[in-house]
C-alpha cells in the first residue's frame, strides 16, 4: 500500500498516536505524519504510507490553513488553554471589530516569531519544552514566517467572565506558531492572551472535506475497501512543478542518474513524471549548474 491517508485527527491524540494507530489498522509499519498537531488540536493530518513516506518533508513544507480562537484577558505558560495562567487583565472594554481587523492586518506577510518555551524547537541539542519542564530559561532563536492571509471569522459583541474571544482564519507557511501569533495579536490589542482553540483545516491541497476519522477509516478496513480512502502519492506533490519525460528517459531517472538541465528553468525542487506516474523529485546539481540530480526516486 502506497499513498496518502487523509486523516482528520480528533482531539486527544498526539501525531505519534495517530501513526501508531494507523499502523495497527492498516497492518503496515512504514507510515509517517506530515506535521505535528498537539493533542488538544483537531484537523487535517495527512499520513504518508509506503513509498509516500519519501515525500513527507515536501508535504510538510506546504502552506497550512488554520482556524484559531484568540482569548484576551489571560496568558498561559504554554500559550494555549492547557497551561498555567501567568498573567491576567480583565477585558472591560471589548475591542471593536474594526480595531481587531486593523491589528490582524499588521501580521500579514513576513513576520518574526520567537518560538514558545513549550515547543519542540531545539536549542543546544535540547528541545525547548525540556528546558521549560526543568524550570530553565534559554535564549530562543527568532524565526521568520509568512502569514499569507489572515481574516476575522467571528467576533462576538460581549466578553464572558472578563475574557473576550474571537476567531481567525490563517493561511501560513511551515513553521508558524499559531499560539504565538495569538499571543502577539493580544499584546497588540493591549491584553495578555492565549490560543484557546485550534483547527487545522488544510495542508497543501488536502482539506477537511477530503479527510476521514479513525472510525470512518476502520469501517473501510472492515469492508475491505481501505484503498478507497488512500490518495495517490502525487497528491502531496501538486504544489511542485512537473517535468514530463518520455519512456526512453524512464530508465535513467529510475536509476537516479544525473541529467542535463531542461531547456526551460524550473522552480526547485520539481517532480518528474512519465505517463502520469511520479518517477522522482529532482533539483539543480549543486556542483554542476547545467545538470539536475535526484532528491528522491520512487
Protein backbone atom coordinates (compact mmCIF):
# COMPACT_ATOMS: atom_id res chain seq x y z
CA UNK A 1 0.00 0.00 0.00
CA UNK A 2 1.47 3.33 -1.11
CA UNK A 3 -0.15 6.74 -0.90
CA UNK A 4 -1.56 9.33 1.49
CA UNK A 5 -4.15 8.62 4.17
CA UNK A 6 -6.06 11.91 4.66
CA UNK A 7 -6.72 11.65 8.39
CA UNK A 8 -8.94 14.01 10.34
CA UNK A 9 -7.16 13.98 13.70
CA UNK A 10 -9.56 14.23 16.60
CA UNK A 11 -8.74 15.79 19.96
CA UNK A 12 -6.94 13.59 22.47
CA UNK A 13 -4.43 12.06 20.04
CA UNK A 14 -0.82 13.10 19.54
CA UNK A 15 0.54 12.88 15.99
CA UNK A 16 2.64 9.91 17.15
CA UNK A 17 -0.53 8.22 18.49
CA UNK A 18 -2.10 8.63 15.06
CA UNK A 19 0.85 6.98 13.31
CA UNK A 20 0.78 4.07 15.77
CA UNK A 21 -2.97 3.59 15.41
CA UNK A 22 -2.80 3.73 11.61
CA UNK A 23 0.00 1.13 11.58
CA UNK A 24 -2.24 -1.25 13.50
CA UNK A 25 -5.31 -0.61 11.37
CA UNK A 26 -3.52 -0.86 8.02
CA UNK A 27 -1.11 -3.63 9.09
CA UNK A 28 1.95 -1.76 7.85
CA UNK A 29 4.88 -0.16 9.67
CA UNK A 30 6.01 2.31 7.02
CA UNK A 31 3.88 5.34 7.92
CA UNK A 32 4.91 8.92 8.67
CA UNK A 33 2.94 12.05 9.59
CA UNK A 34 3.29 15.45 7.94
CA UNK A 35 3.36 17.98 10.75
CA UNK A 36 2.85 17.75 14.49
CA UNK A 37 -0.55 18.63 15.95
CA UNK A 38 -0.91 18.96 19.73
CA UNK A 39 -3.40 16.64 21.49
CA UNK A 40 -5.91 19.49 22.03
CA UNK A 41 -5.85 20.37 18.32
CA UNK A 42 -8.00 18.70 15.70
CA UNK A 43 -7.77 18.77 11.96
CA UNK A 44 -6.05 17.65 8.77
CA UNK A 45 -3.09 15.32 9.38
CA UNK A 46 -2.07 13.51 6.18
CA UNK A 47 -0.25 10.23 6.86
CA UNK A 48 2.18 9.01 4.21
CA UNK A 49 2.25 5.25 3.61
CA UNK A 50 4.88 3.05 1.96
CA UNK A 51 6.77 4.81 -0.83
CA UNK A 52 4.88 8.00 0.01
CA UNK A 53 6.98 8.36 3.19
CA UNK A 54 9.66 9.73 0.83
CA UNK A 55 7.53 12.85 0.28
CA UNK A 56 6.95 13.65 3.98
CA UNK A 57 9.31 16.68 4.03
CA UNK A 58 7.77 18.07 0.82
CA UNK A 59 4.18 17.78 2.07
CA UNK A 60 5.20 19.12 5.48
CA UNK A 61 6.69 22.15 3.72
CA UNK A 62 3.36 23.22 2.19
CA UNK A 63 1.09 26.05 3.31
CA UNK A 64 -1.34 25.33 6.13
CA UNK A 65 -4.77 26.78 6.86
CA UNK A 66 -5.95 27.13 10.47
CA UNK A 67 -8.98 28.39 12.35
CA UNK A 68 -7.82 29.71 15.71
CA UNK A 69 -9.62 31.24 18.67
CA UNK A 70 -7.82 34.09 20.42
CA UNK A 71 -8.82 34.72 24.04
CA UNK A 72 -7.95 38.10 25.54
CA UNK A 73 -7.57 38.68 29.27
CA UNK A 74 -5.45 35.68 30.20
CA UNK A 75 -1.96 34.48 29.21
CA UNK A 76 -0.61 31.00 29.92
CA UNK A 77 2.88 29.49 30.10
CA UNK A 78 2.17 27.25 27.09
CA UNK A 79 0.36 29.98 25.10
CA UNK A 80 -2.70 27.72 24.83
CA UNK A 81 -5.55 26.66 27.12
CA UNK A 82 -3.61 23.76 28.67
CA UNK A 83 -1.03 25.87 30.50
CA UNK A 84 -0.86 27.54 33.89
CA UNK A 85 -2.02 31.16 33.96
CA UNK A 86 0.87 33.62 34.11
CA UNK A 87 -0.90 36.96 33.53
CA UNK A 88 -4.44 38.32 33.67
CA UNK A 89 -6.19 41.57 32.83
CA UNK A 90 -9.98 41.95 32.77
CA UNK A 91 -11.40 42.86 29.37
CA UNK A 92 -13.63 45.74 30.42
CA UNK A 93 -13.63 47.38 27.00
CA UNK A 94 -14.22 44.88 24.21
CA UNK A 95 -12.28 45.88 21.07
CA UNK A 96 -14.46 46.72 18.10
CA UNK A 97 -14.46 44.58 15.00
CA UNK A 98 -12.70 47.40 13.16
CA UNK A 99 -9.95 47.55 15.82
CA UNK A 100 -9.37 43.81 15.54
CA UNK A 101 -9.25 43.99 11.73
CA UNK A 102 -6.70 46.81 11.82
CA UNK A 103 -4.47 44.87 14.23
CA UNK A 104 -4.56 41.50 12.48
CA UNK A 105 -3.67 43.05 9.11
CA UNK A 106 -0.36 44.13 10.66
CA UNK A 107 0.54 40.46 10.91
CA UNK A 108 0.14 39.62 7.23
CA UNK A 109 3.30 38.98 5.22
CA UNK A 110 6.77 38.16 6.54
CA UNK A 111 6.82 38.41 10.33
CA UNK A 112 9.24 37.50 13.10
CA UNK A 113 8.30 34.97 15.78
CA UNK A 114 10.03 33.69 18.89
CA UNK A 115 9.01 30.03 19.42
CA UNK A 116 7.19 29.32 22.70
CA UNK A 117 9.14 27.63 25.51
CA UNK A 118 6.72 24.72 25.28
CA UNK A 119 7.70 23.72 21.74
CA UNK A 120 9.89 21.11 20.03
CA UNK A 121 12.44 23.60 18.70
CA UNK A 122 15.97 22.53 19.63
CA UNK A 123 18.47 24.87 21.31
CA UNK A 124 21.95 23.45 22.00
CA UNK A 125 20.69 19.96 21.25
CA UNK A 126 17.82 20.13 23.74
CA UNK A 127 14.16 20.80 22.98
CA UNK A 128 12.63 23.95 24.42
CA UNK A 129 9.86 22.06 26.23
CA UNK A 130 12.55 20.09 28.07
CA UNK A 131 14.09 23.34 29.35
CA UNK A 132 10.61 24.53 30.33
CA UNK A 133 9.81 21.36 32.26
CA UNK A 134 13.15 21.64 34.07
CA UNK A 135 12.32 25.21 35.06
CA UNK A 136 15.16 26.61 32.94
CA UNK A 137 15.05 29.61 30.63
CA UNK A 138 17.12 29.86 27.46
CA UNK A 139 17.61 32.32 24.62
CA UNK A 140 15.15 31.34 21.92
CA UNK A 141 16.06 31.83 18.24
CA UNK A 142 13.90 34.28 16.32
CA UNK A 143 12.47 32.93 13.08
CA UNK A 144 10.82 34.45 10.03
CA UNK A 145 7.49 33.01 8.91
CA UNK A 146 4.99 34.03 6.24
CA UNK A 147 1.37 34.81 7.06
CA UNK A 148 -0.11 34.74 3.58
CA UNK A 149 -3.61 35.71 4.69
CA UNK A 150 -5.43 36.37 7.94
CA UNK A 151 -9.11 37.17 8.36
CA UNK A 152 -11.63 37.61 11.14
CA UNK A 153 -14.20 34.80 11.20
CA UNK A 154 -16.21 35.62 14.30
CA UNK A 155 -16.17 38.49 16.82
CA UNK A 156 -18.91 38.38 19.48
CA UNK A 157 -20.12 41.65 20.97
CA UNK A 158 -19.52 40.86 24.64
CA UNK A 159 -16.87 39.48 26.96
CA UNK A 160 -17.52 36.42 29.13
CA UNK A 161 -16.13 36.26 32.69
CA UNK A 162 -13.92 39.28 31.91
CA UNK A 163 -12.36 37.47 28.94
CA UNK A 164 -13.08 38.07 25.26
CA UNK A 165 -12.63 35.55 22.43
CA UNK A 166 -12.67 35.95 18.67
CA UNK A 167 -11.86 33.55 15.83
CA UNK A 168 -9.36 33.95 12.99
CA UNK A 169 -8.64 32.06 9.79
CA UNK A 170 -4.91 31.97 8.98
CA UNK A 171 -3.09 30.82 5.85
CA UNK A 172 0.59 30.45 6.70
CA UNK A 173 3.93 28.87 5.93
CA UNK A 174 5.52 25.85 7.55
CA UNK A 175 6.96 26.60 10.99
CA UNK A 176 4.37 29.19 12.02
CA UNK A 177 3.35 29.01 15.67
CA UNK A 178 -0.34 29.93 15.75
CA UNK A 179 -0.17 30.04 19.56
CA UNK A 180 2.48 32.73 19.37
CA UNK A 181 0.53 34.61 16.70
CA UNK A 182 -2.50 34.69 19.01
CA UNK A 183 -0.38 35.95 21.92
CA UNK A 184 1.22 38.65 19.78
CA UNK A 185 -2.14 39.82 18.44
CA UNK A 186 -3.41 40.01 22.02
CA UNK A 187 -0.42 42.16 23.02
CA UNK A 188 -1.08 44.47 20.09
CA UNK A 189 -4.66 44.85 21.36
CA UNK A 190 -3.34 45.64 24.84
CA UNK A 191 -4.17 42.39 26.64
CA UNK A 192 -2.49 39.20 27.78
CA UNK A 193 -3.84 36.45 25.54
CA UNK A 194 -3.66 32.80 24.59
CA UNK A 195 -4.91 30.46 21.88
CA UNK A 196 -7.97 28.76 23.33
CA UNK A 197 -8.84 26.54 20.32
CA UNK A 198 -7.24 25.48 17.05
CA UNK A 199 -8.34 23.51 14.00
CA UNK A 200 -6.09 22.76 11.02
CA UNK A 201 -8.37 22.99 8.01
CA UNK A 202 -5.89 22.31 5.22
CA UNK A 203 -2.39 21.02 4.47
CA UNK A 204 -1.28 21.74 0.92
CA UNK A 205 -4.24 20.79 -1.28
CA UNK A 206 -5.65 18.30 1.24
CA UNK A 207 -8.53 19.87 3.14
CA UNK A 208 -11.19 18.85 5.64
CA UNK A 209 -13.62 17.53 3.04
CA UNK A 210 -11.01 15.02 1.85
CA UNK A 211 -10.38 13.58 5.33
CA UNK A 212 -11.69 10.68 7.38
CA UNK A 213 -11.76 9.99 11.10
CA UNK A 214 -10.30 6.78 12.50
CA UNK A 215 -13.78 5.32 12.98
CA UNK A 216 -14.61 6.00 9.33
CA UNK A 217 -11.29 4.52 8.19
CA UNK A 218 -11.92 1.43 10.32
CA UNK A 219 -15.23 0.92 8.54
CA UNK A 220 -13.45 0.95 5.17
CA UNK A 221 -10.89 -1.54 6.56
CA UNK A 222 -13.66 -3.83 7.82
CA UNK A 223 -15.37 -3.68 4.43
CA UNK A 224 -12.11 -4.44 2.60
CA UNK A 225 -12.20 -1.10 0.80
CA UNK A 226 -9.47 0.86 2.56
CA UNK A 227 -7.87 1.62 -0.81
CA UNK A 228 -10.83 3.91 -1.49
CA UNK A 229 -9.61 6.41 1.11
CA UNK A 230 -5.93 6.42 0.08
CA UNK A 231 -4.88 9.36 -2.08
CA UNK A 232 -2.25 8.96 -4.80
CA UNK A 233 1.32 9.81 -3.83
CA UNK A 234 1.48 12.77 -6.21
CA UNK A 235 -1.39 14.46 -4.34
CA UNK A 236 1.23 15.50 -1.81
CA UNK A 237 3.42 17.00 -4.54
CA UNK A 238 0.92 19.05 -6.53
CA UNK A 239 2.43 22.28 -5.19
CA UNK A 240 5.62 21.47 -7.14
CA UNK A 241 6.22 21.99 -10.86
CA UNK A 242 6.20 18.93 -13.11
CA UNK A 243 8.58 17.87 -15.90
CA UNK A 244 7.07 15.19 -18.15
CA UNK A 245 9.52 12.79 -19.83
CA UNK A 246 9.28 10.01 -22.40
CA UNK A 247 9.51 6.27 -21.80
CA UNK A 248 13.02 6.36 -23.27
CA UNK A 249 14.15 8.52 -20.34
CA UNK A 250 12.48 6.40 -17.67
CA UNK A 251 15.43 4.06 -17.05
CA UNK A 252 17.89 6.88 -16.38
CA UNK A 253 15.52 8.59 -13.95
CA UNK A 254 14.51 5.41 -12.12
CA UNK A 255 18.21 4.74 -11.55
CA UNK A 256 18.87 8.22 -10.21
CA UNK A 257 21.18 9.39 -12.95
CA UNK A 258 22.40 12.97 -13.26
CA UNK A 259 20.74 14.57 -16.29
CA UNK A 260 21.14 17.72 -18.41
CA UNK A 261 19.25 20.78 -17.21
CA UNK A 262 15.91 21.14 -19.08
CA UNK A 263 15.72 23.92 -21.65
CA UNK A 264 13.28 25.90 -19.52
CA UNK A 265 14.01 26.73 -15.88
CA UNK A 266 12.09 25.05 -13.10
CA UNK A 267 11.35 26.11 -9.58
CA UNK A 268 13.27 23.74 -7.35
CA UNK A 269 12.66 21.02 -6.43
CA UNK A 270 10.43 19.66 -9.21
CA UNK A 271 8.61 16.41 -9.97
CA UNK A 272 9.45 14.20 -12.95
CA UNK A 273 6.58 12.16 -14.37
CA UNK A 274 6.20 9.65 -17.19
CA UNK A 275 2.71 8.80 -18.47
CA UNK A 276 1.24 10.36 -15.33
CA UNK A 277 3.41 8.30 -12.96
CA UNK A 278 5.72 10.03 -10.50
CA UNK A 279 9.26 8.76 -11.08
CA UNK A 280 11.38 11.13 -8.98
CA UNK A 281 11.95 14.54 -7.49
CA UNK A 282 14.95 16.39 -8.95
CA UNK A 283 16.79 19.64 -8.32
CA UNK A 284 19.70 21.54 -9.86
CA UNK A 285 23.04 19.85 -9.25
CA UNK A 286 24.91 21.92 -6.60
CA UNK A 287 28.27 21.49 -8.32
CA UNK A 288 27.15 21.41 -11.95
CA UNK A 289 24.74 24.24 -12.84
CA UNK A 290 23.96 22.68 -16.24
CA UNK A 291 22.83 19.38 -14.62
CA UNK A 292 20.00 18.13 -12.44
CA UNK A 293 20.24 15.42 -9.78
CA UNK A 294 17.65 13.35 -7.87
CA UNK A 295 16.41 14.24 -4.39
CA UNK A 296 14.00 11.29 -4.20
CA UNK A 297 13.48 8.36 -6.59
CA UNK A 298 10.28 6.34 -6.37
